Amino acid sequence: MMFTARLAFAVALVLAPVAALAQDKAAVLVTSSGQALDAFTVKTLLGRAGVANDYDPHATAADLDGRAAVVIAVGASVKGFGAAGITTETEIERTTALIDTAKAAGVKIIGVHIGGAERRQGLSEQFVQLVAPRADSLVVWKTGNADGYFDTVAAEKSIPLTQIDKLTEVGPVLAGEVAAQ
Protein backbone atom coordinates (compact mmCIF):
# COMPACT_ATOMS: atom_id res chain seq x y z
CA MET A 1 0.00 0.00 0.00
CA MET A 2 2.79 2.40 0.92
CA PHE A 3 4.60 1.59 -2.36
CA THR A 4 1.44 2.30 -4.37
CA ALA A 5 0.96 5.67 -2.68
CA ARG A 6 4.59 6.61 -3.28
CA LEU A 7 4.35 5.50 -6.89
CA ALA A 8 1.19 7.53 -7.40
CA PHE A 9 2.85 10.56 -5.82
CA ALA A 10 5.94 10.15 -8.01
CA VAL A 11 3.81 9.86 -11.14
CA ALA A 12 1.86 12.97 -10.11
CA LEU A 13 5.11 14.90 -9.66
CA VAL A 14 6.19 13.93 -13.15
CA LEU A 15 2.86 14.59 -14.85
CA ALA A 16 1.87 17.81 -13.06
CA PRO A 17 4.38 20.00 -14.94
CA VAL A 18 3.31 18.43 -18.24
CA ALA A 19 -0.35 19.14 -17.47
CA ALA A 20 0.52 22.70 -16.45
CA LEU A 21 2.36 23.24 -19.72
CA ALA A 22 -0.64 21.98 -21.67
CA GLN A 23 -2.90 24.42 -19.82
CA ASP A 24 -0.54 27.34 -20.38
CA LYS A 25 -0.93 27.27 -24.15
CA ALA A 26 -1.66 30.64 -25.66
CA ALA A 27 -4.94 30.97 -27.54
CA VAL A 28 -2.98 32.02 -30.64
CA LEU A 29 -0.50 29.81 -32.47
CA VAL A 30 1.89 31.36 -35.00
CA THR A 31 3.45 29.10 -37.61
CA SER A 32 5.02 29.19 -41.03
CA SER A 33 4.03 27.73 -44.35
CA GLY A 34 7.26 27.63 -46.29
CA GLN A 35 9.72 27.96 -43.38
CA ALA A 36 10.64 31.60 -43.99
CA LEU A 37 11.46 33.64 -40.89
CA ASP A 38 8.41 35.81 -41.57
CA ALA A 39 6.50 33.75 -38.99
CA PHE A 40 9.01 34.69 -36.29
CA THR A 41 8.63 38.35 -37.25
CA VAL A 42 4.84 37.98 -36.95
CA LYS A 43 5.21 36.28 -33.56
CA THR A 44 7.42 39.12 -32.30
CA LEU A 45 5.18 41.92 -33.58
CA LEU A 46 2.05 40.21 -32.25
CA GLY A 47 3.69 39.94 -28.83
CA ARG A 48 4.62 43.63 -28.93
CA ALA A 49 0.95 44.36 -29.60
CA GLY A 50 0.12 42.62 -26.33
CA VAL A 51 -1.17 39.31 -27.67
CA ALA A 52 0.19 36.19 -26.01
CA ASN A 53 1.09 33.65 -28.65
CA ASP A 54 3.04 30.47 -29.15
CA TYR A 55 5.45 30.15 -32.06
CA ASP A 56 6.18 26.85 -33.73
CA PRO A 57 7.41 26.87 -37.33
CA HIS A 58 6.75 23.12 -37.49
CA ALA A 59 3.31 23.12 -35.82
CA THR A 60 1.12 20.15 -36.57
CA ALA A 61 -2.60 19.56 -36.38
CA ALA A 62 -2.17 18.28 -32.81
CA ASP A 63 -0.83 21.70 -31.77
CA LEU A 64 -4.21 23.31 -32.51
CA ASP A 65 -5.90 21.71 -29.51
CA GLY A 66 -7.21 24.45 -27.24
CA ARG A 67 -6.40 27.27 -29.66
CA ALA A 68 -8.74 30.01 -30.83
CA ALA A 69 -6.64 31.07 -33.83
CA VAL A 70 -3.70 30.02 -35.94
CA VAL A 71 -1.68 32.65 -37.76
CA ILE A 72 0.06 31.18 -40.80
CA ALA A 73 2.81 33.32 -42.30
CA VAL A 74 3.48 32.26 -45.89
CA GLY A 75 6.80 32.42 -47.68
CA ALA A 76 9.40 29.85 -48.63
CA SER A 77 13.00 29.72 -47.54
CA VAL A 78 15.36 27.15 -49.02
CA LYS A 79 17.65 27.74 -46.02
CA GLY A 80 14.70 27.11 -43.70
CA PHE A 81 13.89 23.85 -45.44
CA GLY A 82 17.49 22.72 -45.29
CA ALA A 83 17.97 23.63 -41.64
CA ALA A 84 14.80 21.80 -40.65
CA GLY A 85 15.33 18.82 -42.95
CA ILE A 86 12.00 19.51 -44.64
CA THR A 87 10.99 19.14 -48.27
CA THR A 88 8.47 21.19 -50.20
CA GLU A 89 6.16 18.17 -50.29
CA THR A 90 6.27 17.55 -46.54
CA GLU A 91 5.70 21.25 -45.85
CA ILE A 92 2.66 21.26 -48.14
CA GLU A 93 1.33 18.15 -46.39
CA ARG A 94 1.88 19.70 -42.94
CA THR A 95 0.20 22.95 -43.93
CA THR A 96 -2.75 21.16 -45.54
CA ALA A 97 -3.30 18.99 -42.45
CA LEU A 98 -3.05 22.07 -40.22
CA ILE A 99 -5.64 23.96 -42.27
CA ASP A 100 -7.98 20.95 -42.52
CA THR A 101 -7.86 20.42 -38.76
CA ALA A 102 -8.34 24.11 -38.00
CA LYS A 103 -11.38 24.25 -40.28
CA ALA A 104 -12.90 21.14 -38.67
CA ALA A 105 -12.24 22.43 -35.14
CA GLY A 106 -13.47 25.98 -35.74
CA VAL A 107 -10.02 27.49 -35.15
CA LYS A 108 -9.74 30.83 -36.95
CA ILE A 109 -7.10 30.80 -39.71
CA ILE A 110 -5.36 34.10 -40.34
CA GLY A 111 -3.14 34.06 -43.41
CA VAL A 112 -0.30 36.57 -43.35
CA HIS A 113 2.01 37.61 -46.17
CA ILE A 114 4.67 40.12 -45.15
CA GLY A 115 7.44 39.05 -47.51
CA GLY A 116 6.69 41.66 -50.13
CA ALA A 117 7.15 41.06 -53.84
CA GLU A 118 10.23 38.92 -53.19
CA ARG A 119 8.15 36.24 -51.46
CA ARG A 120 5.61 36.11 -54.28
CA GLN A 121 7.98 34.37 -56.65
CA GLY A 122 9.26 30.85 -57.18
CA LEU A 123 8.84 28.39 -54.35
CA SER A 124 6.94 30.86 -52.14
CA GLU A 125 4.02 31.20 -54.51
CA GLN A 126 2.73 27.67 -53.97
CA PHE A 127 2.48 28.32 -50.22
CA VAL A 128 0.69 31.61 -50.84
CA GLN A 129 -1.79 29.79 -53.09
CA LEU A 130 -2.23 26.98 -50.57
CA VAL A 131 -3.07 29.19 -47.59
CA ALA A 132 -4.75 32.34 -48.96
CA PRO A 133 -7.93 30.77 -50.40
CA ARG A 134 -8.59 28.77 -47.22
CA ALA A 135 -7.90 31.49 -44.65
CA ASP A 136 -10.68 33.09 -42.64
CA SER A 137 -8.94 36.44 -42.97
CA LEU A 138 -5.83 37.79 -44.68
CA VAL A 139 -3.27 40.38 -43.63
CA VAL A 140 -0.93 41.38 -46.44
CA TRP A 141 1.89 43.88 -46.87
CA LYS A 142 0.81 45.92 -49.90
CA THR A 143 4.09 45.40 -51.75
CA GLY A 144 3.27 41.69 -51.95
CA ASN A 145 -0.08 42.35 -53.60
CA ALA A 146 1.05 44.42 -56.59
CA ASP A 147 -0.55 41.90 -58.96
CA GLY A 148 -3.87 41.99 -57.07
CA TYR A 149 -3.77 38.25 -56.26
CA PHE A 150 -4.93 38.72 -52.67
CA ASP A 151 -7.68 41.14 -53.78
CA THR A 152 -8.96 38.51 -56.21
CA VAL A 153 -8.87 35.65 -53.69
CA ALA A 154 -10.53 37.78 -51.01
CA ALA A 155 -13.32 38.83 -53.39
CA GLU A 156 -13.91 35.32 -54.79
CA LYS A 157 -13.89 33.60 -51.38
CA SER A 158 -15.45 36.42 -49.31
CA ILE A 159 -12.36 36.60 -47.11
CA PRO A 160 -11.70 39.82 -45.20
CA LEU A 161 -8.42 41.36 -46.43
CA THR A 162 -6.36 43.96 -44.60
CA GLN A 163 -3.44 45.49 -46.45
CA ILE A 164 -0.70 47.17 -44.45
CA ASP A 165 1.73 49.87 -45.55
CA LYS A 166 4.44 49.12 -42.97
CA LEU A 167 5.50 45.83 -41.43
CA THR A 168 5.16 47.28 -37.95
CA GLU A 169 1.40 47.49 -38.53
CA VAL A 170 1.05 43.70 -38.60
CA GLY A 171 0.99 43.31 -34.79
CA PRO A 172 -1.85 45.75 -34.08
CA VAL A 173 -3.84 44.52 -37.09
CA LEU A 174 -3.50 40.90 -35.98
CA ALA A 175 -4.38 41.88 -32.40
CA GLY A 176 -7.64 43.26 -33.78
CA GLU A 177 -8.23 40.09 -35.80
CA VAL A 178 -7.71 37.91 -32.75
CA ALA A 179 -9.92 40.12 -30.57
CA ALA A 180 -12.70 39.86 -33.17
CA GLN A 181 -12.61 36.07 -32.77
C-alpha atoms as a PDB file:
ATOM      1  CA  MET A   1       0.000   0.000   0.000  1.00  0.00           C
ATOM      2  CA  MET A   2       2.791   2.402   0.915  1.00  0.00           C
ATOM      3  CA  PHE A   3       4.604   1.587  -2.359  1.00  0.00           C
ATOM      4  CA  THR A   4       1.441   2.303  -4.368  1.00  0.00           C
ATOM      5  CA  ALA A   5       0.957   5.673  -2.681  1.00  0.00           C
ATOM      6  CA  ARG A   6       4.586   6.614  -3.281  1.00  0.00           C
ATOM      7  CA  LEU A   7       4.355   5.498  -6.894  1.00  0.00           C
ATOM      8  CA  ALA A   8       1.185   7.527  -7.401  1.00  0.00           C
ATOM      9  CA  PHE A   9       2.848  10.559  -5.818  1.00  0.00           C
ATOM     10  CA  ALA A  10       5.942  10.154  -8.014  1.00  0.00           C
ATOM     11  CA  VAL A  11       3.806   9.865 -11.141  1.00  0.00           C
ATOM     12  CA  ALA A  12       1.861  12.968 -10.105  1.00  0.00           C
ATOM     13  CA  LEU A  13       5.110  14.903  -9.664  1.00  0.00           C
ATOM     14  CA  VAL A  14       6.190  13.925 -13.154  1.00  0.00           C
ATOM     15  CA  LEU A  15       2.862  14.594 -14.850  1.00  0.00           C
ATOM     16  CA  ALA A  16       1.874  17.808 -13.065  1.00  0.00           C
ATOM     17  CA  PRO A  17       4.380  20.001 -14.943  1.00  0.00           C
ATOM     18  CA  VAL A  18       3.306  18.430 -18.237  1.00  0.00           C
ATOM     19  CA  ALA A  19      -0.349  19.142 -17.470  1.00  0.00           C
ATOM     20  CA  ALA A  20       0.521  22.696 -16.445  1.00  0.00           C
ATOM     21  CA  LEU A  21       2.362  23.243 -19.718  1.00  0.00           C
ATOM     22  CA  ALA A  22      -0.641  21.979 -21.666  1.00  0.00           C
ATOM     23  CA  GLN A  23      -2.904  24.419 -19.822  1.00  0.00           C
ATOM     24  CA  ASP A  24      -0.544  27.345 -20.380  1.00  0.00           C
ATOM     25  CA  LYS A  25      -0.928  27.267 -24.150  1.00  0.00           C
ATOM     26  CA  ALA A  26      -1.665  30.636 -25.658  1.00  0.00           C
ATOM     27  CA  ALA A  27      -4.939  30.966 -27.545  1.00  0.00           C
ATOM     28  CA  VAL A  28      -2.979  32.023 -30.640  1.00  0.00           C
ATOM     29  CA  LEU A  29      -0.500  29.807 -32.466  1.00  0.00           C
ATOM     30  CA  VAL A  30       1.890  31.361 -34.998  1.00  0.00           C
ATOM     31  CA  THR A  31       3.450  29.096 -37.612  1.00  0.00           C
ATOM     32  CA  SER A  32       5.019  29.193 -41.031  1.00  0.00           C
ATOM     33  CA  SER A  33       4.032  27.727 -44.347  1.00  0.00           C
ATOM     34  CA  GLY A  34       7.262  27.629 -46.292  1.00  0.00           C
ATOM     35  CA  GLN A  35       9.716  27.957 -43.384  1.00  0.00           C
ATOM     36  CA  ALA A  36      10.639  31.604 -43.992  1.00  0.00           C
ATOM     37  CA  LEU A  37      11.459  33.640 -40.893  1.00  0.00           C
ATOM     38  CA  ASP A  38       8.410  35.813 -41.566  1.00  0.00           C
ATOM     39  CA  ALA A  39       6.500  33.747 -38.990  1.00  0.00           C
ATOM     40  CA  PHE A  40       9.009  34.685 -36.289  1.00  0.00           C
ATOM     41  CA  THR A  41       8.629  38.349 -37.247  1.00  0.00           C
ATOM     42  CA  VAL A  42       4.844  37.979 -36.951  1.00  0.00           C
ATOM     43  CA  LYS A  43       5.206  36.280 -33.562  1.00  0.00           C
ATOM     44  CA  THR A  44       7.417  39.115 -32.304  1.00  0.00           C
ATOM     45  CA  LEU A  45       5.176  41.920 -33.577  1.00  0.00           C
ATOM     46  CA  LEU A  46       2.047  40.209 -32.249  1.00  0.00           C
ATOM     47  CA  GLY A  47       3.689  39.936 -28.830  1.00  0.00           C
ATOM     48  CA  ARG A  48       4.624  43.629 -28.931  1.00  0.00           C
ATOM     49  CA  ALA A  49       0.949  44.359 -29.604  1.00  0.00           C
ATOM     50  CA  GLY A  50       0.120  42.616 -26.326  1.00  0.00           C
ATOM     51  CA  VAL A  51      -1.172  39.306 -27.674  1.00  0.00           C
ATOM     52  CA  ALA A  52       0.189  36.189 -26.010  1.00  0.00           C
ATOM     53  CA  ASN A  53       1.090  33.649 -28.655  1.00  0.00           C
ATOM     54  CA  ASP A  54       3.045  30.471 -29.148  1.00  0.00           C
ATOM     55  CA  TYR A  55       5.450  30.155 -32.059  1.00  0.00           C
ATOM     56  CA  ASP A  56       6.183  26.846 -33.726  1.00  0.00           C
ATOM     57  CA  PRO A  57       7.405  26.874 -37.327  1.00  0.00           C
ATOM     58  CA  HIS A  58       6.747  23.122 -37.489  1.00  0.00           C
ATOM     59  CA  ALA A  59       3.314  23.121 -35.815  1.00  0.00           C
ATOM     60  CA  THR A  60       1.115  20.147 -36.572  1.00  0.00           C
ATOM     61  CA  ALA A  61      -2.602  19.558 -36.380  1.00  0.00           C
ATOM     62  CA  ALA A  62      -2.175  18.281 -32.805  1.00  0.00           C
ATOM     63  CA  ASP A  63      -0.826  21.696 -31.769  1.00  0.00           C
ATOM     64  CA  LEU A  64      -4.205  23.312 -32.507  1.00  0.00           C
ATOM     65  CA  ASP A  65      -5.903  21.709 -29.506  1.00  0.00           C
ATOM     66  CA  GLY A  66      -7.209  24.453 -27.236  1.00  0.00           C
ATOM     67  CA  ARG A  67      -6.396  27.269 -29.664  1.00  0.00           C
ATOM     68  CA  ALA A  68      -8.738  30.009 -30.832  1.00  0.00           C
ATOM     69  CA  ALA A  69      -6.645  31.071 -33.828  1.00  0.00           C
ATOM     70  CA  VAL A  70      -3.698  30.017 -35.940  1.00  0.00           C
ATOM     71  CA  VAL A  71      -1.676  32.650 -37.764  1.00  0.00           C
ATOM     72  CA  ILE A  72       0.057  31.175 -40.805  1.00  0.00           C
ATOM     73  CA  ALA A  73       2.812  33.315 -42.299  1.00  0.00           C
ATOM     74  CA  VAL A  74       3.476  32.258 -45.889  1.00  0.00           C
ATOM     75  CA  GLY A  75       6.801  32.424 -47.683  1.00  0.00           C
ATOM     76  CA  ALA A  76       9.400  29.854 -48.634  1.00  0.00           C
ATOM     77  CA  SER A  77      13.004  29.721 -47.536  1.00  0.00           C
ATOM     78  CA  VAL A  78      15.364  27.149 -49.019  1.00  0.00           C
ATOM     79  CA  LYS A  79      17.655  27.735 -46.018  1.00  0.00           C
ATOM     80  CA  GLY A  80      14.705  27.114 -43.697  1.00  0.00           C
ATOM     81  CA  PHE A  81      13.891  23.850 -45.435  1.00  0.00           C
ATOM     82  CA  GLY A  82      17.492  22.717 -45.295  1.00  0.00           C
ATOM     83  CA  ALA A  83      17.973  23.628 -41.637  1.00  0.00           C
ATOM     84  CA  ALA A  84      14.796  21.803 -40.652  1.00  0.00           C
ATOM     85  CA  GLY A  85      15.327  18.820 -42.948  1.00  0.00           C
ATOM     86  CA  ILE A  86      11.998  19.512 -44.636  1.00  0.00           C
ATOM     87  CA  THR A  87      10.993  19.139 -48.275  1.00  0.00           C
ATOM     88  CA  THR A  88       8.474  21.194 -50.203  1.00  0.00           C
ATOM     89  CA  GLU A  89       6.162  18.174 -50.294  1.00  0.00           C
ATOM     90  CA  THR A  90       6.270  17.551 -46.539  1.00  0.00           C
ATOM     91  CA  GLU A  91       5.704  21.253 -45.847  1.00  0.00           C
ATOM     92  CA  ILE A  92       2.660  21.263 -48.142  1.00  0.00           C
ATOM     93  CA  GLU A  93       1.334  18.149 -46.388  1.00  0.00           C
ATOM     94  CA  ARG A  94       1.884  19.695 -42.938  1.00  0.00           C
ATOM     95  CA  THR A  95       0.203  22.953 -43.929  1.00  0.00           C
ATOM     96  CA  THR A  96      -2.745  21.161 -45.540  1.00  0.00           C
ATOM     97  CA  ALA A  97      -3.300  18.994 -42.451  1.00  0.00           C
ATOM     98  CA  LEU A  98      -3.048  22.066 -40.220  1.00  0.00           C
ATOM     99  CA  ILE A  99      -5.638  23.956 -42.271  1.00  0.00           C
ATOM    100  CA  ASP A 100      -7.977  20.947 -42.522  1.00  0.00           C
ATOM    101  CA  THR A 101      -7.856  20.419 -38.761  1.00  0.00           C
ATOM    102  CA  ALA A 102      -8.336  24.115 -37.998  1.00  0.00           C
ATOM    103  CA  LYS A 103     -11.381  24.249 -40.280  1.00  0.00           C
ATOM    104  CA  ALA A 104     -12.896  21.137 -38.669  1.00  0.00           C
ATOM    105  CA  ALA A 105     -12.240  22.429 -35.140  1.00  0.00           C
ATOM    106  CA  GLY A 106     -13.468  25.982 -35.735  1.00  0.00           C
ATOM    107  CA  VAL A 107     -10.022  27.488 -35.153  1.00  0.00           C
ATOM    108  CA  LYS A 108      -9.737  30.827 -36.955  1.00  0.00           C
ATOM    109  CA  ILE A 109      -7.101  30.795 -39.710  1.00  0.00           C
ATOM    110  CA  ILE A 110      -5.361  34.102 -40.337  1.00  0.00           C
ATOM    111  CA  GLY A 111      -3.143  34.059 -43.406  1.00  0.00           C
ATOM    112  CA  VAL A 112      -0.297  36.570 -43.348  1.00  0.00           C
ATOM    113  CA  HIS A 113       2.007  37.612 -46.169  1.00  0.00           C
ATOM    114  CA  ILE A 114       4.670  40.118 -45.146  1.00  0.00           C
ATOM    115  CA  GLY A 115       7.441  39.048 -47.506  1.00  0.00           C
ATOM    116  CA  GLY A 116       6.694  41.660 -50.131  1.00  0.00           C
ATOM    117  CA  ALA A 117       7.151  41.062 -53.839  1.00  0.00           C
ATOM    118  CA  GLU A 118      10.231  38.920 -53.188  1.00  0.00           C
ATOM    119  CA  ARG A 119       8.149  36.242 -51.463  1.00  0.00           C
ATOM    120  CA  ARG A 120       5.614  36.110 -54.280  1.00  0.00           C
ATOM    121  CA  GLN A 121       7.983  34.368 -56.653  1.00  0.00           C
ATOM    122  CA  GLY A 122       9.264  30.854 -57.177  1.00  0.00           C
ATOM    123  CA  LEU A 123       8.844  28.395 -54.350  1.00  0.00           C
ATOM    124  CA  SER A 124       6.944  30.856 -52.135  1.00  0.00           C
ATOM    125  CA  GLU A 125       4.017  31.200 -54.510  1.00  0.00           C
ATOM    126  CA  GLN A 126       2.733  27.672 -53.974  1.00  0.00           C
ATOM    127  CA  PHE A 127       2.485  28.322 -50.220  1.00  0.00           C
ATOM    128  CA  VAL A 128       0.692  31.607 -50.843  1.00  0.00           C
ATOM    129  CA  GLN A 129      -1.791  29.790 -53.091  1.00  0.00           C
ATOM    130  CA  LEU A 130      -2.227  26.983 -50.567  1.00  0.00           C
ATOM    131  CA  VAL A 131      -3.074  29.192 -47.592  1.00  0.00           C
ATOM    132  CA  ALA A 132      -4.749  32.339 -48.964  1.00  0.00           C
ATOM    133  CA  PRO A 133      -7.931  30.768 -50.402  1.00  0.00           C
ATOM    134  CA  ARG A 134      -8.586  28.771 -47.220  1.00  0.00           C
ATOM    135  CA  ALA A 135      -7.895  31.494 -44.653  1.00  0.00           C
ATOM    136  CA  ASP A 136     -10.680  33.089 -42.640  1.00  0.00           C
ATOM    137  CA  SER A 137      -8.942  36.443 -42.970  1.00  0.00           C
ATOM    138  CA  LEU A 138      -5.830  37.792 -44.680  1.00  0.00           C
ATOM    139  CA  VAL A 139      -3.267  40.383 -43.628  1.00  0.00           C
ATOM    140  CA  VAL A 140      -0.926  41.384 -46.440  1.00  0.00           C
ATOM    141  CA  TRP A 141       1.895  43.881 -46.869  1.00  0.00           C
ATOM    142  CA  LYS A 142       0.809  45.920 -49.899  1.00  0.00           C
ATOM    143  CA  THR A 143       4.091  45.396 -51.750  1.00  0.00           C
ATOM    144  CA  GLY A 144       3.268  41.690 -51.946  1.00  0.00           C
ATOM    145  CA  ASN A 145      -0.080  42.352 -53.604  1.00  0.00           C
ATOM    146  CA  ALA A 146       1.055  44.423 -56.593  1.00  0.00           C
ATOM    147  CA  ASP A 147      -0.549  41.896 -58.958  1.00  0.00           C
ATOM    148  CA  GLY A 148      -3.873  41.987 -57.075  1.00  0.00           C
ATOM    149  CA  TYR A 149      -3.774  38.255 -56.263  1.00  0.00           C
ATOM    150  CA  PHE A 150      -4.933  38.720 -52.674  1.00  0.00           C
ATOM    151  CA  ASP A 151      -7.677  41.136 -53.780  1.00  0.00           C
ATOM    152  CA  THR A 152      -8.965  38.511 -56.212  1.00  0.00           C
ATOM    153  CA  VAL A 153      -8.872  35.654 -53.692  1.00  0.00           C
ATOM    154  CA  ALA A 154     -10.531  37.785 -51.015  1.00  0.00           C
ATOM    155  CA  ALA A 155     -13.325  38.825 -53.385  1.00  0.00           C
ATOM    156  CA  GLU A 156     -13.910  35.324 -54.788  1.00  0.00           C
ATOM    157  CA  LYS A 157     -13.891  33.600 -51.384  1.00  0.00           C
ATOM    158  CA  SER A 158     -15.447  36.421 -49.311  1.00  0.00           C
ATOM    159  CA  ILE A 159     -12.356  36.602 -47.113  1.00  0.00           C
ATOM    160  CA  PRO A 160     -11.698  39.824 -45.200  1.00  0.00           C
ATOM    161  CA  LEU A 161      -8.423  41.360 -46.427  1.00  0.00           C
ATOM    162  CA  THR A 162      -6.362  43.962 -44.598  1.00  0.00           C
ATOM    163  CA  GLN A 163      -3.436  45.491 -46.452  1.00  0.00           C
ATOM    164  CA  ILE A 164      -0.704  47.167 -44.452  1.00  0.00           C
ATOM    165  CA  ASP A 165       1.730  49.872 -45.547  1.00  0.00           C
ATOM    166  CA  LYS A 166       4.443  49.119 -42.967  1.00  0.00           C
ATOM    167  CA  LEU A 167       5.504  45.827 -41.426  1.00  0.00           C
ATOM    168  CA  THR A 168       5.163  47.283 -37.945  1.00  0.00           C
ATOM    169  CA  GLU A 169       1.397  47.485 -38.527  1.00  0.00           C
ATOM    170  CA  VAL A 170       1.046  43.699 -38.599  1.00  0.00           C
ATOM    171  CA  GLY A 171       0.986  43.312 -34.794  1.00  0.00           C
ATOM    172  CA  PRO A 172      -1.850  45.753 -34.077  1.00  0.00           C
ATOM    173  CA  VAL A 173      -3.837  44.516 -37.092  1.00  0.00           C
ATOM    174  CA  LEU A 174      -3.501  40.896 -35.977  1.00  0.00           C
ATOM    175  CA  ALA A 175      -4.384  41.880 -32.405  1.00  0.00           C
ATOM    176  CA  GLY A 176      -7.641  43.260 -33.781  1.00  0.00           C
ATOM    177  CA  GLU A 177      -8.233  40.087 -35.804  1.00  0.00           C
ATOM    178  CA  VAL A 178      -7.714  37.907 -32.747  1.00  0.00           C
ATOM    179  CA  ALA A 179      -9.918  40.120 -30.573  1.00  0.00           C
ATOM    180  CA  ALA A 180     -12.698  39.855 -33.172  1.00  0.00           C
ATOM    181  CA  GLN A 181     -12.611  36.073 -32.769  1.00  0.00           C
END
